[in-house]
Structures are given as structure tokens and as C-alpha cells.
Amino acid sequence: MLLFGLPIPGNVTANAVLSASDAQSIDLKIDDGKPGTGSVVTMTNTMQPSCASSDTATTATYATSASASRVCTMLFITGF
């Protein structure tokens, strides 16, 4: 598993680093283009409300209308 985000002092790299549009673009190129399913996922809507549209993994979409530039952290599930 690889977590891609900005560092939290004294903790993991879980701060948002990408716009929702950029996260969606990466997800579409590598996986299924959905923030809650597949091998490339983001934090839940509760954790990063401007990244995904909901906490329901199967229906969530990327909140590409969000104006902020850093709203998403990505998790790449590698399988080893």
C-alpha cells in the first residue's frame, strides 16, 4: 500500500496534495476512475469533504467542481 499526500508533522503523509480533477485523472489512467473502489482510492468524504461526493464507496464520484487545489490524498493498494 502506498499513501500519496503531504506530510503531517510527526505522522503519515495523509494531508491533501491533489485537486479532485487531478486525482480523478490519475485514477482513470490506472484504475476505475472512482474514488471509493478499486486499487486506487481516496480518503472518505468525511475525512476530505472536497475530494469525493460521498462516503458510499460504490456511488461516490470525484468532486471535480471543488475550487480548492489541494483536496485529495490517494491510496494505491498494491497487493503485496
N, C-alpha and C. Protein backbone atom coordinates (compact mmCIF):
# COMPACT_ATOMS: atom_id res chain seq x y z
N MET A 1 0.84 -1.16 0.00
CA MET A 1 0.00 0.00 0.00
C MET A 1 0.89 1.24 0.00
N LEU A 2 0.53 2.22 -0.81
CA LEU A 2 1.27 3.47 -0.91
C LEU A 2 0.30 4.60 -0.67
N LEU A 3 0.61 5.46 0.29
CA LEU A 3 -0.21 6.62 0.60
C LEU A 3 0.48 7.85 0.01
N PHE A 4 -0.22 8.58 -0.86
CA PHE A 4 0.36 9.74 -1.52
C PHE A 4 -0.34 11.00 -1.02
N GLY A 5 0.39 11.80 -0.26
CA GLY A 5 -0.14 13.04 0.28
C GLY A 5 0.98 13.87 0.87
N LEU A 6 0.61 15.01 1.43
CA LEU A 6 1.59 15.86 2.10
C LEU A 6 1.78 15.36 3.53
N PRO A 7 2.97 15.55 4.09
CA PRO A 7 3.22 15.05 5.44
C PRO A 7 2.45 15.81 6.51
N ILE A 8 2.07 15.08 7.54
CA ILE A 8 1.54 15.64 8.78
C ILE A 8 2.70 15.54 9.75
N PRO A 9 3.15 16.65 10.36
CA PRO A 9 4.31 16.59 11.25
C PRO A 9 4.17 15.48 12.31
N GLY A 10 5.16 14.60 12.34
CA GLY A 10 5.17 13.51 13.29
C GLY A 10 4.20 12.38 12.98
N ASN A 11 3.68 12.34 11.75
CA ASN A 11 2.68 11.34 11.40
C ASN A 11 2.89 10.90 9.95
N VAL A 12 1.87 10.34 9.34
CA VAL A 12 1.95 9.84 7.96
C VAL A 12 1.69 10.95 6.95
N THR A 13 1.88 10.64 5.68
CA THR A 13 1.64 11.61 4.61
C THR A 13 0.18 11.57 4.18
N ALA A 14 -0.71 12.06 5.02
CA ALA A 14 -2.14 11.97 4.76
C ALA A 14 -2.81 13.30 4.47
N ASN A 15 -2.07 14.41 4.47
CA ASN A 15 -2.67 15.69 4.11
C ASN A 15 -2.93 15.73 2.61
N ALA A 16 -3.98 16.41 2.21
CA ALA A 16 -4.35 16.51 0.80
C ALA A 16 -3.24 17.15 -0.02
N VAL A 17 -3.03 16.63 -1.23
CA VAL A 17 -1.97 17.13 -2.09
C VAL A 17 -2.45 17.39 -3.52
N LEU A 18 -3.57 16.79 -3.92
CA LEU A 18 -4.05 16.90 -5.30
C LEU A 18 -5.44 17.52 -5.37
N SER A 19 -5.73 18.15 -6.50
CA SER A 19 -7.11 18.59 -6.74
C SER A 19 -7.94 17.35 -7.05
N ALA A 20 -9.25 17.48 -6.93
CA ALA A 20 -10.13 16.36 -7.25
C ALA A 20 -10.00 15.98 -8.73
N SER A 21 -9.83 16.96 -9.59
CA SER A 21 -9.67 16.69 -11.03
C SER A 21 -8.38 15.91 -11.31
N ASP A 22 -7.30 16.29 -10.65
CA ASP A 22 -6.03 15.58 -10.83
C ASP A 22 -6.12 14.16 -10.29
N ALA A 23 -6.75 14.00 -9.13
CA ALA A 23 -6.92 12.66 -8.56
C ALA A 23 -7.76 11.78 -9.48
N GLN A 24 -8.83 12.34 -10.03
CA GLN A 24 -9.68 11.59 -10.95
C GLN A 24 -8.89 11.18 -12.20
N SER A 25 -8.09 12.08 -12.71
CA SER A 25 -7.29 11.79 -13.90
C SER A 25 -6.33 10.63 -13.65
N ILE A 26 -5.66 10.64 -12.50
CA ILE A 26 -4.74 9.54 -12.14
C ILE A 26 -5.53 8.24 -11.99
N ASP A 27 -6.65 8.30 -11.31
CA ASP A 27 -7.48 7.12 -11.08
C ASP A 27 -7.98 6.54 -12.40
N LEU A 28 -8.38 7.38 -13.32
CA LEU A 28 -8.86 6.90 -14.63
C LEU A 28 -7.75 6.22 -15.43
N LYS A 29 -6.53 6.72 -15.31
CA LYS A 29 -5.42 6.14 -16.06
C LYS A 29 -4.95 4.81 -15.49
N ILE A 30 -5.07 4.64 -14.18
CA ILE A 30 -4.55 3.45 -13.52
C ILE A 30 -5.65 2.44 -13.17
N ASP A 31 -6.84 2.95 -12.85
CA ASP A 31 -7.87 2.10 -12.25
C ASP A 31 -9.24 2.40 -12.86
N ASP A 32 -10.26 2.47 -12.01
CA ASP A 32 -11.65 2.57 -12.47
C ASP A 32 -12.22 3.99 -12.48
N GLY A 33 -11.46 4.98 -12.03
CA GLY A 33 -11.94 6.36 -12.04
C GLY A 33 -12.92 6.70 -10.94
N LYS A 34 -13.06 5.84 -9.95
CA LYS A 34 -13.99 6.07 -8.84
C LYS A 34 -13.20 6.18 -7.54
N PRO A 35 -13.49 7.19 -6.73
CA PRO A 35 -12.68 7.44 -5.53
C PRO A 35 -12.80 6.41 -4.42
N GLY A 36 -13.84 5.58 -4.43
CA GLY A 36 -14.03 4.66 -3.32
C GLY A 36 -13.85 3.19 -3.65
N THR A 37 -13.57 2.88 -4.92
CA THR A 37 -13.44 1.47 -5.29
C THR A 37 -12.17 1.24 -6.11
N GLY A 38 -11.77 0.00 -6.19
CA GLY A 38 -10.62 -0.38 -7.00
C GLY A 38 -9.32 -0.37 -6.21
N SER A 39 -8.22 -0.30 -6.93
CA SER A 39 -6.90 -0.34 -6.29
C SER A 39 -6.31 1.05 -6.09
N VAL A 40 -6.99 2.08 -6.58
CA VAL A 40 -6.61 3.47 -6.33
C VAL A 40 -7.82 4.15 -5.71
N VAL A 41 -7.70 4.55 -4.45
CA VAL A 41 -8.82 5.17 -3.74
C VAL A 41 -8.36 6.44 -3.03
N THR A 42 -9.34 7.22 -2.56
CA THR A 42 -9.05 8.43 -1.80
C THR A 42 -9.60 8.29 -0.39
N MET A 43 -9.37 9.29 0.42
CA MET A 43 -9.96 9.32 1.75
C MET A 43 -11.47 9.47 1.60
N THR A 44 -12.20 9.15 2.64
CA THR A 44 -13.65 9.29 2.59
C THR A 44 -14.06 10.75 2.53
N ASN A 45 -15.30 10.98 2.17
CA ASN A 45 -15.85 12.33 2.13
C ASN A 45 -15.81 12.97 3.52
N THR A 46 -16.00 12.19 4.56
CA THR A 46 -15.95 12.71 5.93
C THR A 46 -14.56 13.24 6.25
N MET A 47 -13.53 12.54 5.78
CA MET A 47 -12.15 12.95 6.07
C MET A 47 -11.68 14.10 5.17
N GLN A 48 -12.07 14.07 3.91
CA GLN A 48 -11.68 15.11 2.94
C GLN A 48 -12.91 15.47 2.11
N PRO A 49 -13.78 16.34 2.64
CA PRO A 49 -15.08 16.59 2.03
C PRO A 49 -15.07 17.20 0.63
N SER A 50 -14.00 17.80 0.20
CA SER A 50 -13.98 18.40 -1.14
C SER A 50 -13.40 17.47 -2.20
N CYS A 51 -13.09 16.23 -1.83
CA CYS A 51 -12.49 15.29 -2.77
C CYS A 51 -13.53 14.38 -3.40
N ALA A 52 -14.30 13.68 -2.58
CA ALA A 52 -15.31 12.74 -3.08
C ALA A 52 -16.71 13.23 -2.71
N SER A 53 -17.69 12.78 -3.46
CA SER A 53 -19.06 13.26 -3.26
C SER A 53 -19.78 12.61 -2.08
N SER A 54 -19.33 11.44 -1.63
CA SER A 54 -20.00 10.78 -0.51
C SER A 54 -19.06 9.74 0.12
N ASP A 55 -19.50 9.19 1.24
CA ASP A 55 -18.75 8.13 1.91
C ASP A 55 -19.12 6.75 1.40
N THR A 56 -20.11 6.65 0.55
CA THR A 56 -20.54 5.36 0.00
C THR A 56 -19.62 5.01 -1.17
N ALA A 57 -18.76 4.04 -0.96
CA ALA A 57 -17.72 3.72 -1.94
C ALA A 57 -18.25 3.42 -3.33
N THR A 58 -19.36 2.72 -3.42
CA THR A 58 -19.87 2.28 -4.72
C THR A 58 -20.53 3.39 -5.53
N THR A 59 -20.95 4.48 -4.87
CA THR A 59 -21.62 5.56 -5.60
C THR A 59 -20.86 6.88 -5.60
N ALA A 60 -19.79 6.97 -4.85
CA ALA A 60 -19.02 8.22 -4.77
C ALA A 60 -18.40 8.57 -6.11
N THR A 61 -18.33 9.86 -6.37
CA THR A 61 -17.64 10.38 -7.55
C THR A 61 -16.66 11.45 -7.07
N TYR A 62 -15.72 11.81 -7.92
CA TYR A 62 -14.79 12.88 -7.57
C TYR A 62 -15.52 14.21 -7.64
N ALA A 63 -15.28 15.07 -6.66
CA ALA A 63 -15.91 16.39 -6.60
C ALA A 63 -15.10 17.37 -7.44
N THR A 64 -15.16 17.18 -8.76
CA THR A 64 -14.32 17.96 -9.66
C THR A 64 -14.70 19.43 -9.74
N SER A 65 -15.86 19.79 -9.19
CA SER A 65 -16.24 21.20 -9.19
C SER A 65 -15.63 21.96 -8.02
N ALA A 66 -14.94 21.26 -7.12
CA ALA A 66 -14.29 21.92 -5.98
C ALA A 66 -13.22 22.88 -6.48
N SER A 67 -13.21 24.06 -5.92
CA SER A 67 -12.27 25.08 -6.41
C SER A 67 -10.89 25.00 -5.75
N ALA A 68 -10.79 24.34 -4.60
CA ALA A 68 -9.51 24.25 -3.90
C ALA A 68 -8.53 23.37 -4.68
N SER A 69 -7.26 23.70 -4.60
CA SER A 69 -6.26 22.96 -5.38
C SER A 69 -5.73 21.73 -4.65
N ARG A 70 -5.86 21.67 -3.34
CA ARG A 70 -5.35 20.52 -2.57
C ARG A 70 -6.48 19.96 -1.72
N VAL A 71 -7.19 18.98 -2.27
CA VAL A 71 -8.33 18.40 -1.55
C VAL A 71 -8.26 16.89 -1.42
N CYS A 72 -7.34 16.23 -2.13
CA CYS A 72 -7.32 14.76 -2.15
C CYS A 72 -5.97 14.17 -1.75
N THR A 73 -6.03 13.08 -1.01
CA THR A 73 -4.91 12.19 -0.74
C THR A 73 -5.25 10.88 -1.43
N MET A 74 -4.29 10.22 -2.04
CA MET A 74 -4.58 8.98 -2.75
C MET A 74 -3.90 7.79 -2.08
N LEU A 75 -4.59 6.68 -2.12
CA LEU A 75 -4.08 5.43 -1.58
C LEU A 75 -4.01 4.42 -2.72
N PHE A 76 -2.82 3.90 -2.97
CA PHE A 76 -2.62 2.90 -4.02
C PHE A 76 -2.47 1.55 -3.33
N ILE A 77 -3.40 0.64 -3.58
CA ILE A 77 -3.38 -0.69 -2.97
C ILE A 77 -2.60 -1.60 -3.91
N THR A 78 -1.45 -2.06 -3.45
CA THR A 78 -0.51 -2.76 -4.32
C THR A 78 -0.66 -4.28 -4.36
N GLY A 79 -1.18 -4.88 -3.34
CA GLY A 79 -1.37 -6.31 -3.34
C GLY A 79 -0.20 -7.13 -2.85
N PHE A 80 0.84 -6.51 -2.35
CA PHE A 80 1.93 -7.28 -1.75
C PHE A 80 2.23 -6.75 -0.37
